[in-house]
Amino acid sequence: MKKIDSYLKQLQREEVLHEQGILQIFILIGQFVFLSSIYYLTSKRDKKLTKEIQGLLKTTRWKVRVLKGTKSLYNACSLSTNSVFVTQGLVRTSTHRELIAVLLHEVSHSRTLDSLSSVAVGTGSYILGFFGGLILAGTLPISGLFSYVLALTMTLVLSEIGSAAFMRQLEYKSDSFAVKYGYGDDLISAFAKIKKMWKVPKCTSIFCKLKEKIDSWFADHPEDKKRADHILKKKEFYEAAKKGPATVRRYLKGALVRG
């Protein structure tokens, strides 16, 4: 009888967790729809930038919208729709080529529905981490509430690190898209300018650098140096590609030797 009661309680717990997972997905979808609506209502289409992006990509699919009331903000984003959004501050402070580079980066995010895949991966990693923690708790040499807290902390942290690593790959992919169109140097310049505008303090102390390193594990954007190195390598590759297959083979062989 005790085994039956225990089994029924376990089924009840699993049902509650399943409902929580579905609820989490609906909450994230609701946030996405709400945010998309707000962005459209508080932005205005920029005909000049839209025409230039459409001409560059040879398609009328993409539209550029400038967010109103954002003169002191320096950013751009996409929401996996046919529009990319940019702040007035970034438009005002960027050179024309820097602005196009950032817009190409955001178009890449929209082309491959990165916002939606980020939500899916984030939710999936959370659910896997939660269930993984419950399973791990049963294998630990300790018992009681502490085993569940320890196991859940470990698995949720690991799932968060994995999710952040996936997000960083999306950023590298979108950087490569801008490089493909010849805007690699401008993208590096734009990112450096954005960081300067946000007044990110320089890290000097050992503790600050340690914190910065730990933060990088959970960051959804790559570190500045790694990002710049990736852009420059992609730039070399695309320049080699323009010269033909033989040049590409020599480039790849040299890359392997350098690596």
Protein backbone atom coordinates (compact mmCIF):
# COMPACT_ATOMS: atom_id res chain seq x y z
CA MET A 1 0.00 0.00 0.00
CA LYS A 2 2.86 2.39 0.82
CA LYS A 3 4.43 1.69 -2.58
CA ILE A 4 1.15 2.53 -4.34
CA ASP A 5 0.81 5.80 -2.37
CA SER A 6 4.41 6.68 -3.17
CA TYR A 7 3.86 5.96 -6.87
CA LEU A 8 0.70 8.10 -6.97
CA LYS A 9 2.51 11.00 -5.27
CA GLN A 10 5.33 10.71 -7.82
CA LEU A 11 2.82 10.84 -10.70
CA GLN A 12 1.22 13.91 -9.14
CA ARG A 13 4.58 15.67 -8.84
CA GLU A 14 5.43 14.87 -12.47
CA GLU A 15 2.05 16.21 -13.61
CA VAL A 16 2.61 19.49 -11.73
CA LEU A 17 6.11 19.85 -13.22
CA HIS A 18 4.74 19.17 -16.70
CA GLU A 19 2.11 21.89 -16.24
CA GLN A 20 4.77 24.30 -14.97
CA GLY A 21 6.89 23.63 -18.07
CA ILE A 22 3.95 24.32 -20.41
CA LEU A 23 3.07 27.45 -18.42
CA GLN A 24 6.66 28.69 -18.76
CA ILE A 25 6.46 28.29 -22.56
CA PHE A 26 3.16 30.22 -22.76
CA ILE A 27 4.59 33.01 -20.59
CA LEU A 28 7.63 33.37 -22.88
CA ILE A 29 5.45 33.38 -26.01
CA GLY A 30 3.21 36.01 -24.40
CA GLN A 31 6.23 38.17 -23.59
CA PHE A 32 7.45 37.84 -27.19
CA VAL A 33 4.08 38.89 -28.67
CA PHE A 34 3.75 41.79 -26.19
CA LEU A 35 7.29 43.03 -26.90
CA SER A 36 6.75 42.81 -30.68
CA SER A 37 3.56 44.88 -30.39
CA ILE A 38 5.26 47.55 -28.27
CA TYR A 39 8.19 47.82 -30.71
CA TYR A 40 5.89 48.30 -33.70
CA LEU A 41 3.74 50.87 -31.93
CA THR A 42 6.74 52.91 -30.75
CA SER A 43 8.73 52.88 -33.99
CA LYS A 44 8.63 54.46 -37.44
CA ARG A 45 9.77 52.96 -40.71
CA ASP A 46 12.92 54.55 -42.15
CA LYS A 47 12.38 54.55 -45.92
CA LYS A 48 15.99 55.41 -46.81
CA LEU A 49 17.59 52.68 -44.70
CA THR A 50 14.91 50.20 -45.75
CA LYS A 51 15.60 50.88 -49.44
CA GLU A 52 19.35 50.48 -48.94
CA ILE A 53 19.05 47.18 -47.04
CA GLN A 54 16.59 45.86 -49.63
CA GLY A 55 18.94 46.86 -52.45
CA LEU A 56 21.94 45.26 -50.73
CA LEU A 57 20.10 41.98 -50.07
CA LYS A 58 18.19 42.12 -53.38
CA THR A 59 14.82 41.53 -51.72
CA THR A 60 11.95 43.71 -50.51
CA ARG A 61 11.34 41.50 -47.51
CA TRP A 62 13.20 43.51 -44.87
CA LYS A 63 12.14 46.81 -43.31
CA VAL A 64 14.09 49.08 -40.97
CA ARG A 65 12.21 50.80 -38.16
CA VAL A 66 13.64 53.46 -35.84
CA LEU A 67 12.41 53.36 -32.24
CA LYS A 68 10.99 56.67 -31.00
CA GLY A 69 12.26 58.36 -27.84
CA THR A 70 15.58 56.49 -27.88
CA LYS A 71 18.07 59.31 -28.46
CA SER A 72 20.17 58.25 -25.47
CA LEU A 73 20.11 54.52 -26.30
CA TYR A 74 22.62 52.76 -28.55
CA ASN A 75 21.33 49.43 -29.73
CA ALA A 76 19.51 47.45 -32.42
CA CYS A 77 17.45 44.29 -32.32
CA SER A 78 15.24 41.92 -34.28
CA LEU A 79 12.26 39.82 -33.21
CA SER A 80 12.23 37.14 -35.94
CA THR A 81 9.87 39.25 -38.07
CA ASN A 82 10.43 41.11 -41.35
CA SER A 83 11.49 44.24 -39.47
CA VAL A 84 14.69 45.17 -37.68
CA PHE A 85 14.69 47.90 -35.05
CA VAL A 86 17.36 50.48 -34.32
CA THR A 87 17.51 53.26 -31.74
CA GLN A 88 17.77 56.94 -32.59
CA GLY A 89 20.99 57.13 -30.58
CA LEU A 90 22.69 54.50 -32.73
CA VAL A 91 21.52 56.16 -35.94
CA ARG A 92 22.87 59.51 -34.73
CA THR A 93 26.30 58.32 -33.54
CA SER A 94 27.19 55.67 -36.12
CA THR A 95 28.80 56.19 -39.50
CA HIS A 96 26.65 55.08 -42.41
CA ARG A 97 28.65 51.88 -42.97
CA GLU A 98 28.62 51.04 -39.24
CA LEU A 99 24.84 51.38 -39.21
CA ILE A 100 24.44 49.14 -42.27
CA ALA A 101 26.78 46.57 -40.66
CA VAL A 102 24.65 46.43 -37.50
CA LEU A 103 21.43 46.21 -39.55
CA LEU A 104 22.83 43.29 -41.57
CA HIS A 105 23.72 41.57 -38.30
CA GLU A 106 20.12 41.98 -37.11
CA VAL A 107 18.67 40.85 -40.45
CA SER A 108 20.63 37.63 -40.04
CA HIS A 109 18.96 37.06 -36.67
CA SER A 110 15.54 37.52 -38.29
CA ARG A 111 16.32 35.32 -41.32
CA THR A 112 16.96 32.29 -39.12
CA LEU A 113 14.32 33.11 -36.46
CA ASP A 114 16.97 33.45 -33.75
CA SER A 115 14.62 35.10 -31.26
CA LEU A 116 12.26 32.13 -31.38
CA SER A 117 15.06 29.55 -31.26
CA SER A 118 16.57 31.40 -28.28
CA VAL A 119 13.23 31.16 -26.44
CA ALA A 120 12.95 27.47 -27.34
CA VAL A 121 16.50 26.64 -26.23
CA GLY A 122 16.20 28.73 -23.05
CA THR A 123 12.92 27.07 -22.08
CA GLY A 124 14.17 23.61 -23.04
CA SER A 125 17.39 23.97 -21.06
CA TYR A 126 15.40 25.18 -18.04
CA ILE A 127 13.05 22.19 -18.17
CA LEU A 128 15.89 19.70 -18.78
CA GLY A 129 17.89 21.26 -15.95
CA PHE A 130 14.92 21.01 -13.61
CA PHE A 131 14.16 17.37 -14.35
CA GLY A 132 17.86 16.55 -14.46
CA GLY A 133 18.21 18.01 -10.98
CA LEU A 134 15.42 15.83 -9.63
CA ILE A 135 17.04 12.73 -11.14
CA LEU A 136 20.49 13.69 -9.87
CA ALA A 137 19.14 14.31 -6.36
CA GLY A 138 18.22 10.63 -6.09
CA THR A 139 21.80 9.56 -6.85
CA LEU A 140 23.63 11.85 -4.41
CA PRO A 141 25.09 10.31 -1.21
CA ILE A 142 23.16 12.86 0.86
CA SER A 143 19.43 12.95 1.45
CA GLY A 144 16.69 15.40 2.30
CA LEU A 145 15.98 18.89 1.04
CA PHE A 146 19.68 19.79 0.73
CA SER A 147 20.24 17.08 -1.92
CA TYR A 148 17.45 18.56 -4.08
CA VAL A 149 18.73 22.13 -3.66
CA LEU A 150 22.30 21.08 -4.50
CA ALA A 151 21.30 18.96 -7.49
CA LEU A 152 18.92 21.57 -8.93
CA THR A 153 21.52 24.31 -8.52
CA MET A 154 24.15 22.25 -10.34
CA THR A 155 21.93 21.23 -13.27
CA LEU A 156 20.28 24.63 -13.71
CA VAL A 157 23.66 26.38 -13.72
CA LEU A 158 24.99 23.94 -16.32
CA SER A 159 21.87 24.31 -18.46
CA GLU A 160 22.18 28.10 -18.26
CA ILE A 161 25.82 27.92 -19.38
CA GLY A 162 24.82 25.65 -22.28
CA SER A 163 22.00 27.97 -23.31
CA ALA A 164 24.32 31.00 -23.22
CA ALA A 165 26.88 29.15 -25.38
CA PHE A 166 24.13 28.53 -27.96
CA MET A 167 23.21 32.25 -27.95
CA ARG A 168 26.86 33.20 -28.55
CA GLN A 169 26.98 30.95 -31.62
CA LEU A 170 23.96 32.82 -33.00
CA GLU A 171 25.89 36.07 -32.56
CA TYR A 172 28.93 34.68 -34.40
CA LYS A 173 26.64 33.50 -37.21
CA SER A 174 25.05 36.94 -37.57
CA ASP A 175 28.46 38.64 -37.50
CA SER A 176 29.52 36.39 -40.40
CA PHE A 177 26.49 37.53 -42.40
CA ALA A 178 27.58 41.18 -42.18
CA VAL A 179 31.17 40.19 -43.06
CA LYS A 180 29.89 38.33 -46.14
CA TYR A 181 28.62 41.64 -47.52
CA GLY A 182 31.93 43.40 -46.87
CA TYR A 183 31.12 45.13 -43.55
CA GLY A 184 33.46 43.28 -41.17
CA ASP A 185 35.65 46.24 -40.16
CA ASP A 186 32.60 48.46 -39.80
CA LEU A 187 30.92 45.90 -37.52
CA ILE A 188 33.96 45.81 -35.22
CA SER A 189 34.00 49.60 -35.16
CA ALA A 190 30.26 49.73 -34.43
CA PHE A 191 30.50 47.27 -31.53
CA ALA A 192 33.43 49.22 -30.02
CA LYS A 193 31.46 52.45 -30.31
CA ILE A 194 28.34 50.91 -28.74
CA LYS A 195 30.39 49.66 -25.80
CA LYS A 196 31.93 53.11 -25.35
CA MET A 197 28.52 54.78 -25.50
CA TRP A 198 27.17 52.44 -22.82
CA LYS A 199 30.16 53.52 -20.67
CA VAL A 200 31.18 50.01 -19.66
CA PRO A 201 33.84 50.43 -16.92
CA LYS A 202 37.28 48.96 -17.58
CA CYS A 203 38.14 45.99 -15.38
CA THR A 204 41.51 46.28 -13.60
CA SER A 205 41.48 44.41 -10.27
CA ILE A 206 41.94 40.63 -9.96
CA PHE A 207 38.49 40.17 -8.41
CA CYS A 208 36.87 42.24 -11.14
CA LYS A 209 38.59 40.19 -13.86
CA LEU A 210 37.56 36.96 -12.14
CA LYS A 211 33.95 38.16 -12.00
CA GLU A 212 34.18 39.20 -15.64
CA LYS A 213 35.41 35.71 -16.58
CA ILE A 214 32.59 33.99 -14.68
CA ASP A 215 30.06 36.40 -16.21
CA SER A 216 31.35 35.47 -19.68
CA TRP A 217 30.22 31.86 -19.13
CA PHE A 218 26.64 33.07 -18.73
CA ALA A 219 26.79 35.89 -21.31
CA ASP A 220 24.65 35.56 -24.43
CA HIS A 221 27.12 37.70 -26.41
CA PRO A 222 30.78 36.79 -27.10
CA GLU A 223 33.71 38.57 -25.48
CA ASP A 224 34.94 41.59 -27.47
CA LYS A 225 38.32 40.13 -28.46
CA LYS A 226 36.94 36.74 -29.46
CA ARG A 227 34.24 38.45 -31.49
CA ALA A 228 36.70 40.70 -33.30
CA ASP A 229 39.02 37.75 -34.02
CA HIS A 230 36.11 35.76 -35.45
CA ILE A 231 35.06 38.66 -37.68
CA LEU A 232 38.61 39.14 -39.00
CA LYS A 233 38.98 35.42 -39.75
CA LYS A 234 35.67 35.41 -41.60
CA LYS A 235 36.78 38.48 -43.52
CA GLU A 236 39.95 36.66 -44.65
CA PHE A 237 37.85 33.66 -45.70
CA TYR A 238 35.38 35.67 -47.80
CA GLU A 239 38.20 37.62 -49.43
CA ALA A 240 39.83 34.31 -50.33
CA ALA A 241 36.52 32.96 -51.63
CA LYS A 242 36.25 35.82 -54.12
CA LYS A 243 39.56 34.76 -55.69
CA GLY A 244 38.46 31.20 -56.37
CA PRO A 245 38.62 27.64 -54.93
CA ALA A 246 42.41 27.39 -55.04
CA THR A 247 42.77 30.49 -52.83
CA VAL A 248 40.18 29.09 -50.41
CA ARG A 249 42.14 25.82 -50.13
CA ARG A 250 45.35 27.75 -49.42
CA TYR A 251 43.52 29.84 -46.81
CA LEU A 252 42.08 26.78 -45.08
CA LYS A 253 45.46 25.05 -45.10
CA GLY A 254 47.06 28.14 -43.55
CA ALA A 255 44.25 28.37 -40.97
CA LEU A 256 44.89 24.76 -39.94
CA VAL A 257 48.61 25.44 -39.58
CA ARG A 258 47.94 28.59 -37.52
CA GLY A 259 45.37 26.73 -35.40
